[in-house]
Every structure is written in structure tokens, then in C-alpha cells.
Amino acid sequence: MKNLTLTFTEDEAEILVDALETDLEGYEDSAKDARANGNRADVTTFSEAADRIKVVRDRIRKAIDG
């Protein structure tokens, strides 16, 4: 996997965090719907995507707060 170095203003980083949180909500809702429908494969897919988004969001937050 290739690492990238990007530079953002604090405001831009906050925008990214907000966008990731919105995207995260969508994946979490989709996982709930898939769970309710008994679709295990989609639950796994959406849950994994949500987990990856949380990691990226938290890394950006740490950089903002650091």
C-alpha cells in the first residue's frame, strides 16, 4: 500500500472529518438494515467500511488536536 502525504488547513481537515462522519452514518445505517434483513454478507461489508472510516476520521482528528 502506498503512503501519501497531504497538507490541509485546520478548517479543511474539519471538513474532511465532517464528511467522513456523514459517510460513516450511512454505512452504519446500511449495516443495520442488512442485519434486519438477515443479509450477513452486507453486514460484514458495511461494518468493515464503517470501521475503516472511523480509523481515518480518528487519524485526522488526532492531527487536528495534536
PDB file of N, CA and C in Angstrom:
ATOM      1  N   MET A   1       0.840  -1.171   0.000  1.00  0.00           N
ATOM      2  CA  MET A   1       0.000   0.000   0.000  1.00  0.00           C
ATOM      3  C   MET A   1       0.893   1.244   0.000  1.00  0.00           C
ATOM      4  N   LYS A   2       0.543   2.207  -0.800  1.00  0.00           N
ATOM      5  CA  LYS A   2       1.318   3.429  -0.959  1.00  0.00           C
ATOM      6  C   LYS A   2       0.867   4.471   0.061  1.00  0.00           C
ATOM      7  N   ASN A   3       1.811   5.080   0.774  1.00  0.00           N
ATOM      8  CA  ASN A   3       1.503   6.159   1.707  1.00  0.00           C
ATOM      9  C   ASN A   3       1.538   7.487   0.977  1.00  0.00           C
ATOM     10  N   LEU A   4       0.639   8.375   1.357  1.00  0.00           N
ATOM     11  CA  LEU A   4       0.575   9.706   0.780  1.00  0.00           C
ATOM     12  C   LEU A   4       0.729  10.737   1.880  1.00  0.00           C
ATOM     13  N   THR A   5       1.337  11.844   1.557  1.00  0.00           N
ATOM     14  CA  THR A   5       1.425  12.958   2.486  1.00  0.00           C
ATOM     15  C   THR A   5       0.663  14.128   1.880  1.00  0.00           C
ATOM     16  N   LEU A   6      -0.328  14.596   2.614  1.00  0.00           N
ATOM     17  CA  LEU A   6      -1.157  15.703   2.162  1.00  0.00           C
ATOM     18  C   LEU A   6      -1.131  16.804   3.212  1.00  0.00           C
ATOM     19  N   THR A   7      -1.329  18.016   2.790  1.00  0.00           N
ATOM     20  CA  THR A   7      -1.357  19.140   3.711  1.00  0.00           C
ATOM     21  C   THR A   7      -2.706  19.843   3.598  1.00  0.00           C
ATOM     22  N   PHE A   8      -3.338  20.053   4.749  1.00  0.00           N
ATOM     23  CA  PHE A   8      -4.625  20.730   4.813  1.00  0.00           C
ATOM     24  C   PHE A   8      -4.584  21.794   5.889  1.00  0.00           C
ATOM     25  N   THR A   9      -5.405  22.828   5.715  1.00  0.00           N
ATOM     26  CA  THR A   9      -5.590  23.767   6.808  1.00  0.00           C
ATOM     27  C   THR A   9      -6.448  23.069   7.857  1.00  0.00           C
ATOM     28  N   GLU A  10      -6.497  23.637   9.045  1.00  0.00           N
ATOM     29  CA  GLU A  10      -7.314  23.045  10.095  1.00  0.00           C
ATOM     30  C   GLU A  10      -8.787  23.020   9.671  1.00  0.00           C
ATOM     31  N   ASP A  11      -9.248  24.079   9.029  1.00  0.00           N
ATOM     32  CA  ASP A  11     -10.638  24.120   8.553  1.00  0.00           C
ATOM     33  C   ASP A  11     -10.899  23.025   7.524  1.00  0.00           C
ATOM     34  N   GLU A  12      -9.977  22.812   6.604  1.00  0.00           N
ATOM     35  CA  GLU A  12     -10.127  21.763   5.608  1.00  0.00           C
ATOM     36  C   GLU A  12     -10.169  20.390   6.256  1.00  0.00           C
ATOM     37  N   ALA A  13      -9.324  20.191   7.264  1.00  0.00           N
ATOM     38  CA  ALA A  13      -9.319  18.906   7.972  1.00  0.00           C
ATOM     39  C   ALA A  13     -10.640  18.689   8.697  1.00  0.00           C
ATOM     40  N   GLU A  14     -11.201  19.744   9.271  1.00  0.00           N
ATOM     41  CA  GLU A  14     -12.506  19.641   9.939  1.00  0.00           C
ATOM     42  C   GLU A  14     -13.596  19.274   8.927  1.00  0.00           C
ATOM     43  N   ILE A  15     -13.516  19.833   7.722  1.00  0.00           N
ATOM     44  CA  ILE A  15     -14.465  19.494   6.667  1.00  0.00           C
ATOM     45  C   ILE A  15     -14.364  18.009   6.333  1.00  0.00           C
ATOM     46  N   LEU A  16     -13.144  17.502   6.250  1.00  0.00           N
ATOM     47  CA  LEU A  16     -12.946  16.077   5.980  1.00  0.00           C
ATOM     48  C   LEU A  16     -13.546  15.218   7.091  1.00  0.00           C
ATOM     49  N   VAL A  17     -13.340  15.609   8.338  1.00  0.00           N
ATOM     50  CA  VAL A  17     -13.902  14.866   9.463  1.00  0.00           C
ATOM     51  C   VAL A  17     -15.422  14.855   9.369  1.00  0.00           C
ATOM     52  N   ASP A  18     -16.013  16.018   9.093  1.00  0.00           N
ATOM     53  CA  ASP A  18     -17.477  16.091   8.967  1.00  0.00           C
ATOM     54  C   ASP A  18     -17.979  15.185   7.841  1.00  0.00           C
ATOM     55  N   ALA A  19     -17.298  15.209   6.712  1.00  0.00           N
ATOM     56  CA  ALA A  19     -17.700  14.377   5.571  1.00  0.00           C
ATOM     57  C   ALA A  19     -17.577  12.893   5.913  1.00  0.00           C
ATOM     58  N   LEU A  20     -16.505  12.530   6.602  1.00  0.00           N
ATOM     59  CA  LEU A  20     -16.320  11.134   6.993  1.00  0.00           C
ATOM     60  C   LEU A  20     -17.394  10.692   7.976  1.00  0.00           C
ATOM     61  N   GLU A  21     -17.776  11.577   8.897  1.00  0.00           N
ATOM     62  CA  GLU A  21     -18.821  11.226   9.856  1.00  0.00           C
ATOM     63  C   GLU A  21     -20.159  11.010   9.152  1.00  0.00           C
ATOM     64  N   THR A  22     -20.452  11.820   8.155  1.00  0.00           N
ATOM     65  CA  THR A  22     -21.676  11.642   7.383  1.00  0.00           C
ATOM     66  C   THR A  22     -21.640  10.314   6.634  1.00  0.00           C
ATOM     67  N   ASP A  23     -20.515  10.026   6.013  1.00  0.00           N
ATOM     68  CA  ASP A  23     -20.357   8.764   5.294  1.00  0.00           C
ATOM     69  C   ASP A  23     -20.461   7.588   6.260  1.00  0.00           C
ATOM     70  N   LEU A  24     -19.861   7.723   7.417  1.00  0.00           N
ATOM     71  CA  LEU A  24     -19.899   6.682   8.444  1.00  0.00           C
ATOM     72  C   LEU A  24     -21.338   6.373   8.846  1.00  0.00           C
ATOM     73  N   GLU A  25     -22.133   7.413   9.055  1.00  0.00           N
ATOM     74  CA  GLU A  25     -23.533   7.209   9.431  1.00  0.00           C
ATOM     75  C   GLU A  25     -24.265   6.385   8.370  1.00  0.00           C
ATOM     76  N   GLY A  26     -23.996   6.677   7.124  1.00  0.00           N
ATOM     77  CA  GLY A  26     -24.631   5.931   6.035  1.00  0.00           C
ATOM     78  C   GLY A  26     -24.267   4.456   6.062  1.00  0.00           C
ATOM     79  N   TYR A  27     -23.007   4.164   6.279  1.00  0.00           N
ATOM     80  CA  TYR A  27     -22.581   2.763   6.336  1.00  0.00           C
ATOM     81  C   TYR A  27     -23.144   2.057   7.567  1.00  0.00           C
ATOM     82  N   GLU A  28     -23.189   2.767   8.699  1.00  0.00           N
ATOM     83  CA  GLU A  28     -23.755   2.152   9.905  1.00  0.00           C
ATOM     84  C   GLU A  28     -25.250   1.876   9.720  1.00  0.00           C
ATOM     85  N   ASP A  29     -25.961   2.810   9.090  1.00  0.00           N
ATOM     86  CA  ASP A  29     -27.380   2.588   8.814  1.00  0.00           C
ATOM     87  C   ASP A  29     -27.578   1.416   7.852  1.00  0.00           C
ATOM     88  N   SER A  30     -26.727   1.336   6.845  1.00  0.00           N
ATOM     89  CA  SER A  30     -26.822   0.235   5.887  1.00  0.00           C
ATOM     90  C   SER A  30     -26.546  -1.099   6.560  1.00  0.00           C
ATOM     91  N   ALA A  31     -25.604  -1.128   7.484  1.00  0.00           N
ATOM     92  CA  ALA A  31     -25.312  -2.361   8.221  1.00  0.00           C
ATOM     93  C   ALA A  31     -26.514  -2.772   9.067  1.00  0.00           C
ATOM     94  N   LYS A  32     -27.170  -1.800   9.701  1.00  0.00           N
ATOM     95  CA  LYS A  32     -28.364  -2.106  10.499  1.00  0.00           C
ATOM     96  C   LYS A  32     -29.475  -2.674   9.621  1.00  0.00           C
ATOM     97  N   ASP A  33     -29.677  -2.042   8.460  1.00  0.00           N
ATOM     98  CA  ASP A  33     -30.705  -2.533   7.540  1.00  0.00           C
ATOM     99  C   ASP A  33     -30.384  -3.947   7.058  1.00  0.00           C
ATOM    100  N   ALA A  34     -29.131  -4.184   6.726  1.00  0.00           N
ATOM    101  CA  ALA A  34     -28.720  -5.507   6.265  1.00  0.00           C
ATOM    102  C   ALA A  34     -28.907  -6.542   7.370  1.00  0.00           C
ATOM    103  N   ARG A  35     -28.600  -6.140   8.605  1.00  0.00           N
ATOM    104  CA  ARG A  35     -28.781  -7.050   9.747  1.00  0.00           C
ATOM    105  C   ARG A  35     -30.261  -7.393   9.909  1.00  0.00           C
ATOM    106  N   ALA A  36     -31.118  -6.376   9.780  1.00  0.00           N
ATOM    107  CA  ALA A  36     -32.560  -6.593   9.914  1.00  0.00           C
ATOM    108  C   ALA A  36     -33.094  -7.500   8.805  1.00  0.00           C
ATOM    109  N   ASN A  37     -32.464  -7.440   7.639  1.00  0.00           N
ATOM    110  CA  ASN A  37     -32.885  -8.271   6.506  1.00  0.00           C
ATOM    111  C   ASN A  37     -32.191  -9.629   6.475  1.00  0.00           C
ATOM    112  N   GLY A  38     -31.309  -9.865   7.439  1.00  0.00           N
ATOM    113  CA  GLY A  38     -30.614 -11.146   7.508  1.00  0.00           C
ATOM    114  C   GLY A  38     -29.539 -11.332   6.451  1.00  0.00           C
ATOM    115  N   ASN A  39     -29.041 -10.246   5.906  1.00  0.00           N
ATOM    116  CA  ASN A  39     -28.017 -10.323   4.858  1.00  0.00           C
ATOM    117  C   ASN A  39     -26.625 -10.183   5.495  1.00  0.00           C
ATOM    118  N   ARG A  40     -26.076 -11.306   5.900  1.00  0.00           N
ATOM    119  CA  ARG A  40     -24.797 -11.305   6.618  1.00  0.00           C
ATOM    120  C   ARG A  40     -23.640 -10.742   5.803  1.00  0.00           C
ATOM    121  N   ALA A  41     -23.624 -11.026   4.521  1.00  0.00           N
ATOM    122  CA  ALA A  41     -22.522 -10.544   3.676  1.00  0.00           C
ATOM    123  C   ALA A  41     -22.497  -9.025   3.645  1.00  0.00           C
ATOM    124  N   ASP A  42     -23.675  -8.410   3.507  1.00  0.00           N
ATOM    125  CA  ASP A  42     -23.726  -6.948   3.504  1.00  0.00           C
ATOM    126  C   ASP A  42     -23.404  -6.364   4.871  1.00  0.00           C
ATOM    127  N   VAL A  43     -23.837  -7.037   5.930  1.00  0.00           N
ATOM    128  CA  VAL A  43     -23.493  -6.570   7.279  1.00  0.00           C
ATOM    129  C   VAL A  43     -21.978  -6.498   7.409  1.00  0.00           C
ATOM    130  N   THR A  44     -21.297  -7.544   6.983  1.00  0.00           N
ATOM    131  CA  THR A  44     -19.834  -7.585   7.056  1.00  0.00           C
ATOM    132  C   THR A  44     -19.217  -6.484   6.220  1.00  0.00           C
ATOM    133  N   THR A  45     -19.683  -6.334   4.984  1.00  0.00           N
ATOM    134  CA  THR A  45     -19.126  -5.318   4.079  1.00  0.00           C
ATOM    135  C   THR A  45     -19.303  -3.917   4.648  1.00  0.00           C
ATOM    136  N   PHE A  46     -20.524  -3.582   5.066  1.00  0.00           N
ATOM    137  CA  PHE A  46     -20.798  -2.243   5.572  1.00  0.00           C
ATOM    138  C   PHE A  46     -20.097  -1.988   6.909  1.00  0.00           C
ATOM    139  N   SER A  47     -20.009  -2.999   7.746  1.00  0.00           N
ATOM    140  CA  SER A  47     -19.323  -2.842   9.038  1.00  0.00           C
ATOM    141  C   SER A  47     -17.832  -2.617   8.843  1.00  0.00           C
ATOM    142  N   GLU A  48     -17.233  -3.359   7.916  1.00  0.00           N
ATOM    143  CA  GLU A  48     -15.809  -3.169   7.629  1.00  0.00           C
ATOM    144  C   GLU A  48     -15.547  -1.775   7.071  1.00  0.00           C
ATOM    145  N   ALA A  49     -16.413  -1.307   6.192  1.00  0.00           N
ATOM    146  CA  ALA A  49     -16.256   0.045   5.644  1.00  0.00           C
ATOM    147  C   ALA A  49     -16.373   1.080   6.759  1.00  0.00           C
ATOM    148  N   ALA A  50     -17.337   0.907   7.653  1.00  0.00           N
ATOM    149  CA  ALA A  50     -17.509   1.833   8.772  1.00  0.00           C
ATOM    150  C   ALA A  50     -16.266   1.842   9.660  1.00  0.00           C
ATOM    151  N   ASP A  51     -15.715   0.687   9.925  1.00  0.00           N
ATOM    152  CA  ASP A  51     -14.510   0.604  10.759  1.00  0.00           C
ATOM    153  C   ASP A  51     -13.328   1.322  10.111  1.00  0.00           C
ATOM    154  N   ARG A  52     -13.174   1.168   8.810  1.00  0.00           N
ATOM    155  CA  ARG A  52     -12.073   1.833   8.108  1.00  0.00           C
ATOM    156  C   ARG A  52     -12.257   3.351   8.117  1.00  0.00           C
ATOM    157  N   ILE A  53     -13.495   3.800   7.958  1.00  0.00           N
ATOM    158  CA  ILE A  53     -13.779   5.235   8.001  1.00  0.00           C
ATOM    159  C   ILE A  53     -13.462   5.796   9.381  1.00  0.00           C
ATOM    160  N   LYS A  54     -13.801   5.064  10.438  1.00  0.00           N
ATOM    161  CA  LYS A  54     -13.509   5.507  11.807  1.00  0.00           C
ATOM    162  C   LYS A  54     -12.014   5.694  12.008  1.00  0.00           C
ATOM    163  N   VAL A  55     -11.221   4.777  11.473  1.00  0.00           N
ATOM    164  CA  VAL A  55      -9.764   4.870  11.618  1.00  0.00           C
ATOM    165  C   VAL A  55      -9.234   6.139  10.953  1.00  0.00           C
ATOM    166  N   VAL A  56      -9.691   6.392   9.730  1.00  0.00           N
ATOM    167  CA  VAL A  56      -9.229   7.576   9.004  1.00  0.00           C
ATOM    168  C   VAL A  56      -9.695   8.840   9.723  1.00  0.00           C
ATOM    169  N   ARG A  57     -10.966   8.875  10.114  1.00  0.00           N
ATOM    170  CA  ARG A  57     -11.510  10.031  10.836  1.00  0.00           C
ATOM    171  C   ARG A  57     -10.703  10.312  12.103  1.00  0.00           C
ATOM    172  N   ASP A  58     -10.422   9.261  12.858  1.00  0.00           N
ATOM    173  CA  ASP A  58      -9.690   9.423  14.113  1.00  0.00           C
ATOM    174  C   ASP A  58      -8.256   9.895  13.887  1.00  0.00           C
ATOM    175  N   ARG A  59      -7.627   9.450  12.806  1.00  0.00           N
ATOM    176  CA  ARG A  59      -6.271   9.916  12.476  1.00  0.00           C
ATOM    177  C   ARG A  59      -6.275  11.408  12.153  1.00  0.00           C
ATOM    178  N   ILE A  60      -7.288  11.839  11.418  1.00  0.00           N
ATOM    179  CA  ILE A  60      -7.382  13.257  11.081  1.00  0.00           C
ATOM    180  C   ILE A  60      -7.667  14.078  12.341  1.00  0.00           C
ATOM    181  N   ARG A  61      -8.572  13.592  13.205  1.00  0.00           N
ATOM    182  CA  ARG A  61      -8.866  14.297  14.450  1.00  0.00           C
ATOM    183  C   ARG A  61      -7.622  14.435  15.310  1.00  0.00           C
ATOM    184  N   LYS A  62      -6.842  13.362  15.389  1.00  0.00           N
ATOM    185  CA  LYS A  62      -5.610  13.379  16.182  1.00  0.00           C
ATOM    186  C   LYS A  62      -4.663  14.437  15.653  1.00  0.00           C
ATOM    187  N   ALA A  63      -4.564  14.552  14.348  1.00  0.00           N
ATOM    188  CA  ALA A  63      -3.691  15.574  13.741  1.00  0.00           C
ATOM    189  C   ALA A  63      -4.198  16.975  14.049  1.00  0.00           C
ATOM    190  N   ILE A  64      -5.514  17.157  14.067  1.00  0.00           N
ATOM    191  CA  ILE A  64      -6.089  18.466  14.376  1.00  0.00           C
ATOM    192  C   ILE A  64      -5.827  18.819  15.835  1.00  0.00           C
ATOM    193  N   ASP A  65      -6.039  17.868  16.720  1.00  0.00           N
ATOM    194  CA  ASP A  65      -5.910  18.107  18.154  1.00  0.00           C
ATOM    195  C   ASP A  65      -4.466  18.116  18.635  1.00  0.00           C
ATOM    196  N   GLY A  66      -3.585  17.485  17.843  1.00  0.00           N
ATOM    197  CA  GLY A  66      -2.184  17.319  18.241  1.00  0.00           C
ATOM    198  C   GLY A  66      -1.436  18.556  18.176  1.00  0.00           C
TER     199      GLY A  66
END
